[in-house]
N, C-alpha and C. Protein backbone atom coordinates (compact mmCIF):
# COMPACT_ATOMS: atom_id res chain seq x y z
N MET A 1 20.38 23.88 8.26
CA MET A 1 19.97 22.64 7.48
C MET A 1 20.46 21.29 8.33
N ALA A 2 19.42 20.41 8.04
CA ALA A 2 20.19 19.13 8.77
C ALA A 2 20.95 18.55 8.05
N PRO A 3 21.94 17.75 8.27
CA PRO A 3 22.82 17.06 7.44
C PRO A 3 22.24 15.68 6.47
N LYS A 4 22.67 15.76 5.39
CA LYS A 4 21.94 14.54 4.66
C LYS A 4 22.27 13.27 5.35
N THR A 5 21.12 12.44 5.33
CA THR A 5 21.22 11.09 5.62
C THR A 5 21.67 10.07 4.64
N PHE A 6 22.05 8.81 4.98
CA PHE A 6 22.43 8.10 3.89
C PHE A 6 20.95 7.58 3.05
N GLY A 7 21.10 7.59 1.76
CA GLY A 7 19.87 7.36 1.00
C GLY A 7 18.92 8.77 0.62
N GLN A 8 19.24 9.86 0.95
CA GLN A 8 18.62 11.02 0.71
C GLN A 8 19.30 12.11 -0.06
N THR A 9 18.62 12.90 -0.81
CA THR A 9 19.11 14.09 -1.32
C THR A 9 18.08 14.99 -1.62
N MET A 10 18.53 15.91 -0.70
CA MET A 10 17.78 17.31 -0.88
C MET A 10 16.04 16.73 -0.38
N GLY A 11 15.93 16.01 0.82
CA GLY A 11 14.86 15.47 1.19
C GLY A 11 14.03 14.38 0.51
N GLN A 12 14.68 14.05 -0.75
CA GLN A 12 14.11 12.80 -1.47
C GLN A 12 14.79 11.49 -1.18
N ALA A 13 13.84 10.73 -1.09
CA ALA A 13 14.63 9.27 -0.66
C ALA A 13 14.91 8.72 -1.76
N ARG A 14 15.94 8.01 -1.87
CA ARG A 14 16.75 7.24 -3.15
C ARG A 14 16.26 5.82 -2.68
N VAL A 15 15.60 5.08 -3.89
CA VAL A 15 15.30 3.64 -3.97
C VAL A 15 16.11 2.85 -4.91
N ASP A 16 16.98 1.79 -4.24
CA ASP A 16 17.63 1.14 -5.19
C ASP A 16 16.49 -0.11 -5.78
N ARG A 17 15.95 0.27 -6.81
CA ARG A 17 15.01 -0.56 -7.32
C ARG A 17 15.42 -2.34 -7.54
N ALA A 18 16.59 -2.06 -8.24
CA ALA A 18 17.19 -3.70 -8.39
C ALA A 18 17.43 -4.14 -6.99
N ARG A 19 17.64 -3.60 -5.89
CA ARG A 19 17.79 -4.57 -4.74
C ARG A 19 16.62 -4.76 -4.34
N LEU A 20 15.37 -3.68 -4.15
CA LEU A 20 14.24 -3.92 -3.87
C LEU A 20 13.65 -5.18 -4.61
N ALA A 21 13.74 -5.33 -5.92
CA ALA A 21 13.15 -6.62 -6.78
C ALA A 21 13.89 -7.82 -6.48
N ALA A 22 14.88 -7.77 -5.76
CA ALA A 22 15.93 -8.92 -5.48
C ALA A 22 15.53 -9.31 -4.11
N THR A 23 14.84 -8.74 -3.06
CA THR A 23 14.43 -8.82 -1.96
C THR A 23 13.12 -10.01 -1.86
N THR A 24 13.86 -11.23 -0.96
CA THR A 24 12.80 -12.14 -0.96
C THR A 24 11.69 -12.02 0.00
N GLU A 25 10.84 -12.89 0.17
CA GLU A 25 9.90 -12.88 1.44
C GLU A 25 10.73 -13.34 2.50
N ALA A 26 11.68 -14.36 2.45
CA ALA A 26 12.26 -14.58 3.35
C ALA A 26 13.43 -13.62 4.28
N ASP A 27 13.70 -12.65 3.05
CA ASP A 27 14.64 -11.63 3.49
C ASP A 27 13.74 -10.67 4.40
N ILE A 28 12.50 -10.18 3.99
CA ILE A 28 11.77 -9.40 4.56
C ILE A 28 11.34 -9.64 6.01
N GLU A 29 10.84 -11.03 6.13
CA GLU A 29 10.82 -11.61 7.41
C GLU A 29 11.95 -11.51 8.45
N ARG A 30 13.21 -11.87 7.92
CA ARG A 30 14.23 -11.64 8.64
C ARG A 30 14.59 -10.57 9.03
N GLN A 31 14.44 -9.38 8.34
CA GLN A 31 14.77 -8.05 8.32
C GLN A 31 13.87 -7.52 9.66
N ALA A 32 12.55 -8.05 9.37
CA ALA A 32 11.60 -7.74 10.44
C ALA A 32 11.99 -8.18 11.73
N ARG A 33 12.56 -9.59 11.60
CA ARG A 33 13.08 -9.94 13.10
C ARG A 33 14.07 -9.29 13.56
N GLU A 34 14.85 -8.86 12.82
CA GLU A 34 16.05 -8.03 13.06
C GLU A 34 15.64 -6.56 13.68
N ASP A 35 14.70 -5.90 13.05
CA ASP A 35 14.33 -4.90 13.38
C ASP A 35 13.42 -4.91 14.69
N GLY A 36 13.07 -5.98 15.28
CA GLY A 36 12.26 -6.23 16.29
C GLY A 36 10.73 -6.11 15.98
N THR A 37 10.26 -5.84 14.69
CA THR A 37 8.89 -5.86 14.64
C THR A 37 8.45 -7.41 13.83
N ASP A 38 9.04 -8.39 14.43
CA ASP A 38 8.37 -9.59 13.94
C ASP A 38 7.02 -10.03 14.48
N GLY A 39 6.31 -9.10 15.31
CA GLY A 39 4.81 -9.24 15.14
C GLY A 39 3.94 -9.31 13.96
N ILE A 40 4.57 -8.51 13.12
CA ILE A 40 3.98 -8.46 11.62
C ILE A 40 5.05 -9.38 10.58
N THR A 41 5.00 -10.62 10.86
CA THR A 41 5.79 -11.48 10.01
C THR A 41 4.80 -12.40 9.19
N ASP A 42 3.40 -12.19 9.57
CA ASP A 42 2.49 -12.72 8.61
C ASP A 42 2.34 -11.78 7.65
N LEU A 43 2.63 -11.91 6.50
CA LEU A 43 2.48 -10.85 5.33
C LEU A 43 1.24 -10.92 4.68
N SER A 44 0.52 -11.78 5.03
CA SER A 44 -0.89 -11.89 4.53
C SER A 44 -1.61 -11.00 5.06
N ARG A 45 -1.34 -10.44 6.28
CA ARG A 45 -2.26 -9.45 6.75
C ARG A 45 -1.39 -7.77 6.51
N VAL A 46 -0.90 -7.87 5.59
CA VAL A 46 -0.01 -6.44 5.33
C VAL A 46 -1.22 -5.93 3.81
N TYR A 47 -1.19 -4.55 4.11
CA TYR A 47 -1.99 -4.27 2.98
C TYR A 47 -1.34 -2.89 2.53
N PRO A 48 -1.51 -2.44 1.14
CA PRO A 48 -1.06 -1.29 0.47
C PRO A 48 -1.72 -0.05 0.93
N ALA A 49 -1.02 1.10 0.91
CA ALA A 49 -1.28 2.10 1.25
C ALA A 49 -2.34 2.68 0.30
N PRO A 50 -3.57 3.39 0.45
CA PRO A 50 -4.40 3.67 -0.59
C PRO A 50 -4.03 4.37 -1.74
N GLY A 51 -3.21 5.38 -1.42
CA GLY A 51 -2.40 5.75 -2.69
C GLY A 51 -1.70 5.06 -3.38
N THR A 52 -0.83 4.30 -2.88
CA THR A 52 0.08 3.38 -3.60
C THR A 52 -0.99 2.50 -4.34
N LEU A 53 -1.98 2.00 -3.75
CA LEU A 53 -2.89 1.22 -4.92
C LEU A 53 -3.34 1.78 -5.81
N ARG A 54 -4.01 2.95 -5.56
CA ARG A 54 -4.66 3.69 -6.54
C ARG A 54 -3.52 4.06 -7.60
N ARG A 55 -2.44 4.47 -7.50
CA ARG A 55 -1.36 4.91 -8.35
C ARG A 55 -1.00 3.42 -9.06
N HIS A 56 -0.76 2.61 -8.47
CA HIS A 56 -0.54 1.28 -8.98
C HIS A 56 -1.36 0.61 -10.05
N LEU A 57 -2.94 0.97 -9.69
CA LEU A 57 -3.92 0.44 -11.05
C LEU A 57 -4.05 1.78 -11.82
N LYS A 58 -3.26 2.87 -11.89
CA LYS A 58 -3.54 3.93 -12.50
C LYS A 58 -5.23 4.61 -12.87
N LEU A 59 -5.70 4.85 -11.27
CA LEU A 59 -6.70 5.44 -11.34
C LEU A 59 -6.98 6.74 -10.71
N THR A 60 -7.40 7.34 -10.92
CA THR A 60 -7.79 8.88 -10.39
C THR A 60 -8.47 8.91 -9.06
N GLN A 61 -8.53 9.78 -7.93
CA GLN A 61 -9.22 9.54 -6.83
C GLN A 61 -10.51 9.19 -7.26
N PRO A 62 -11.08 9.81 -8.00
CA PRO A 62 -12.94 9.69 -8.05
C PRO A 62 -13.00 8.61 -8.69
N ALA A 63 -12.20 8.09 -9.85
CA ALA A 63 -12.46 6.73 -10.40
C ALA A 63 -12.41 5.85 -9.27
N MET A 64 -11.29 5.89 -8.01
CA MET A 64 -11.33 4.87 -7.40
C MET A 64 -12.43 5.00 -6.31
N ALA A 65 -12.85 5.98 -5.86
CA ALA A 65 -13.79 5.84 -4.91
C ALA A 65 -14.99 5.58 -5.62
N ASP A 66 -15.24 5.78 -6.95
CA ASP A 66 -16.52 5.24 -7.44
C ASP A 66 -16.42 3.67 -7.79
N LEU A 67 -15.38 3.22 -7.91
CA LEU A 67 -14.95 1.75 -8.25
C LEU A 67 -15.15 1.08 -6.66
N ILE A 68 -14.86 1.32 -5.40
CA ILE A 68 -15.25 0.82 -4.45
C ILE A 68 -16.77 1.41 -3.66
N GLY A 69 -17.22 2.40 -4.13
CA GLY A 69 -18.61 2.98 -3.62
C GLY A 69 -18.36 3.51 -2.41
N VAL A 70 -17.45 4.42 -2.34
CA VAL A 70 -17.21 5.32 -1.12
C VAL A 70 -17.25 6.80 -1.74
N PRO A 71 -17.79 7.82 -0.96
CA PRO A 71 -17.54 9.15 -1.35
C PRO A 71 -16.17 9.50 -1.45
N LEU A 72 -15.90 10.58 -2.49
CA LEU A 72 -14.54 11.08 -2.86
C LEU A 72 -13.82 11.34 -1.73
N GLY A 73 -14.55 12.23 -0.85
CA GLY A 73 -13.97 12.88 0.53
C GLY A 73 -13.60 11.57 1.51
N THR A 74 -13.99 10.63 1.29
CA THR A 74 -13.86 9.47 2.33
C THR A 74 -12.42 8.85 1.60
N TRP A 75 -12.34 8.40 0.15
CA TRP A 75 -11.07 8.05 -0.18
C TRP A 75 -9.97 8.75 -0.15
N ARG A 76 -10.21 10.23 -0.25
CA ARG A 76 -9.23 11.28 -0.02
C ARG A 76 -8.42 11.15 1.68
N ASN A 77 -9.59 11.28 2.54
CA ASN A 77 -9.00 11.14 3.98
C ASN A 77 -8.48 9.80 4.10
N TRP A 78 -8.61 8.59 3.68
CA TRP A 78 -7.93 7.31 3.66
C TRP A 78 -6.43 7.40 3.05
N GLU A 79 -6.49 8.25 1.70
CA GLU A 79 -5.04 8.36 1.15
C GLU A 79 -4.36 9.42 1.85
N GLN A 80 -4.69 10.35 2.64
CA GLN A 80 -4.33 11.57 3.14
C GLN A 80 -3.60 11.09 4.68
N GLY A 81 -4.20 10.16 5.32
CA GLY A 81 -4.13 9.46 6.40
C GLY A 81 -4.86 10.16 7.69
N ARG A 82 -5.77 10.80 7.22
CA ARG A 82 -6.54 11.53 8.08
C ARG A 82 -7.59 10.68 8.96
N VAL A 83 -7.78 9.68 8.46
CA VAL A 83 -8.64 8.39 9.10
C VAL A 83 -7.77 7.05 8.97
N SER A 84 -7.96 6.30 10.19
CA SER A 84 -7.32 5.05 10.00
C SER A 84 -8.23 4.17 9.45
N LEU A 85 -7.53 3.25 8.85
CA LEU A 85 -8.65 2.05 7.83
C LEU A 85 -9.19 1.23 8.67
N ASP A 86 -10.47 0.93 8.50
CA ASP A 86 -10.98 0.06 9.18
C ASP A 86 -10.71 -1.34 8.82
N PRO A 87 -10.64 -2.53 9.47
CA PRO A 87 -10.29 -4.04 9.15
C PRO A 87 -10.80 -4.38 7.85
N ALA A 88 -12.00 -4.02 7.59
CA ALA A 88 -12.71 -4.49 6.45
C ALA A 88 -12.05 -3.75 5.06
N VAL A 89 -11.43 -2.52 5.14
CA VAL A 89 -10.93 -1.51 4.13
C VAL A 89 -9.80 -2.28 3.61
N GLN A 90 -8.99 -2.54 5.06
CA GLN A 90 -7.65 -2.95 4.85
C GLN A 90 -7.77 -4.36 3.76
N THR A 91 -8.59 -5.08 4.22
CA THR A 91 -8.91 -6.48 3.46
C THR A 91 -9.32 -6.25 1.92
N LEU A 92 -9.93 -5.13 2.00
CA LEU A 92 -10.54 -4.95 0.63
C LEU A 92 -9.22 -4.37 0.05
N LEU A 93 -8.26 -3.56 0.27
CA LEU A 93 -7.24 -3.11 -0.26
C LEU A 93 -6.10 -4.09 -0.74
N ARG A 94 -6.00 -5.20 -0.02
CA ARG A 94 -5.52 -6.54 -0.11
C ARG A 94 -5.68 -7.23 -1.18
N ILE A 95 -6.91 -7.32 -1.49
CA ILE A 95 -7.55 -7.85 -2.35
C ILE A 95 -7.51 -7.28 -3.84
N MET A 96 -7.72 -6.12 -3.51
CA MET A 96 -7.49 -5.20 -4.74
C MET A 96 -6.10 -5.23 -5.38
N TRP A 97 -5.25 -5.67 -4.31
CA TRP A 97 -3.32 -5.37 -4.85
C TRP A 97 -3.43 -6.95 -5.53
N ARG A 98 -3.99 -7.87 -4.77
CA ARG A 98 -3.31 -9.13 -5.09
C ARG A 98 -4.46 -9.79 -6.36
N GLU A 99 -5.37 -9.33 -6.40
CA GLU A 99 -6.44 -9.97 -7.44
C GLU A 99 -7.21 -8.96 -7.99
N PHE A 100 -6.78 -8.31 -8.60
CA PHE A 100 -7.58 -6.82 -8.79
C PHE A 100 -8.56 -7.59 -9.98
N LYS A 101 -8.41 -8.33 -11.32
CA LYS A 101 -8.94 -8.90 -11.96
C LYS A 101 -10.12 -9.78 -11.52
N ALA A 102 -10.18 -10.26 -10.42
CA ALA A 102 -10.92 -11.07 -9.77
C ALA A 102 -12.11 -10.11 -9.02
N PHE A 103 -11.56 -8.75 -8.15
CA PHE A 103 -12.34 -8.01 -7.69
C PHE A 103 -13.09 -7.10 -8.65
N ARG A 104 -12.65 -6.86 -9.82
CA ARG A 104 -13.44 -6.03 -10.97
C ARG A 104 -14.42 -6.78 -11.56
N ARG A 105 -14.38 -8.34 -11.49
CA ARG A 105 -15.46 -9.29 -12.11
C ARG A 105 -16.48 -9.28 -11.24
N THR A 106 -15.98 -9.49 -9.69
CA THR A 106 -17.18 -9.59 -8.60
C THR A 106 -17.96 -8.03 -8.75
N MET A 107 -17.16 -7.01 -8.85
CA MET A 107 -18.08 -5.73 -8.38
C MET A 107 -18.81 -5.61 -9.91
N ALA A 108 -18.37 -6.08 -11.08
CA ALA A 108 -19.44 -5.79 -12.17
C ALA A 108 -20.43 -6.86 -12.24
N ALA A 109 -20.40 -7.96 -11.43
CA ALA A 109 -21.49 -8.85 -11.26
C ALA A 109 -22.56 -8.36 -10.17
N ALA A 110 -22.09 -7.40 -9.44
CA ALA A 110 -22.84 -7.17 -8.37
C ALA A 110 -24.18 -6.08 -8.61
């Protein structure tokens, strides 16, 4: 059995939620530069994982697939990472995460 690493207990990662909540956008950008990933400092291009978004909205997989108009199998493939997300889907997820009420109004009007 591999030794435990910092922040893990029996394969489960622990999250310091207070520290996470206190992290500012400037902290995130600084950490990205330090990690050498500063090519992604434009946080407007970051999108939530499909499963994270669905759970955040408290929807089931069938309800989420129906809401955005895709087959359930497509949504499941996105959630499980079997299929990479098209840039349009990434944008849709970002909009839903940031402006869900506006998204819902738009979909209801369509």
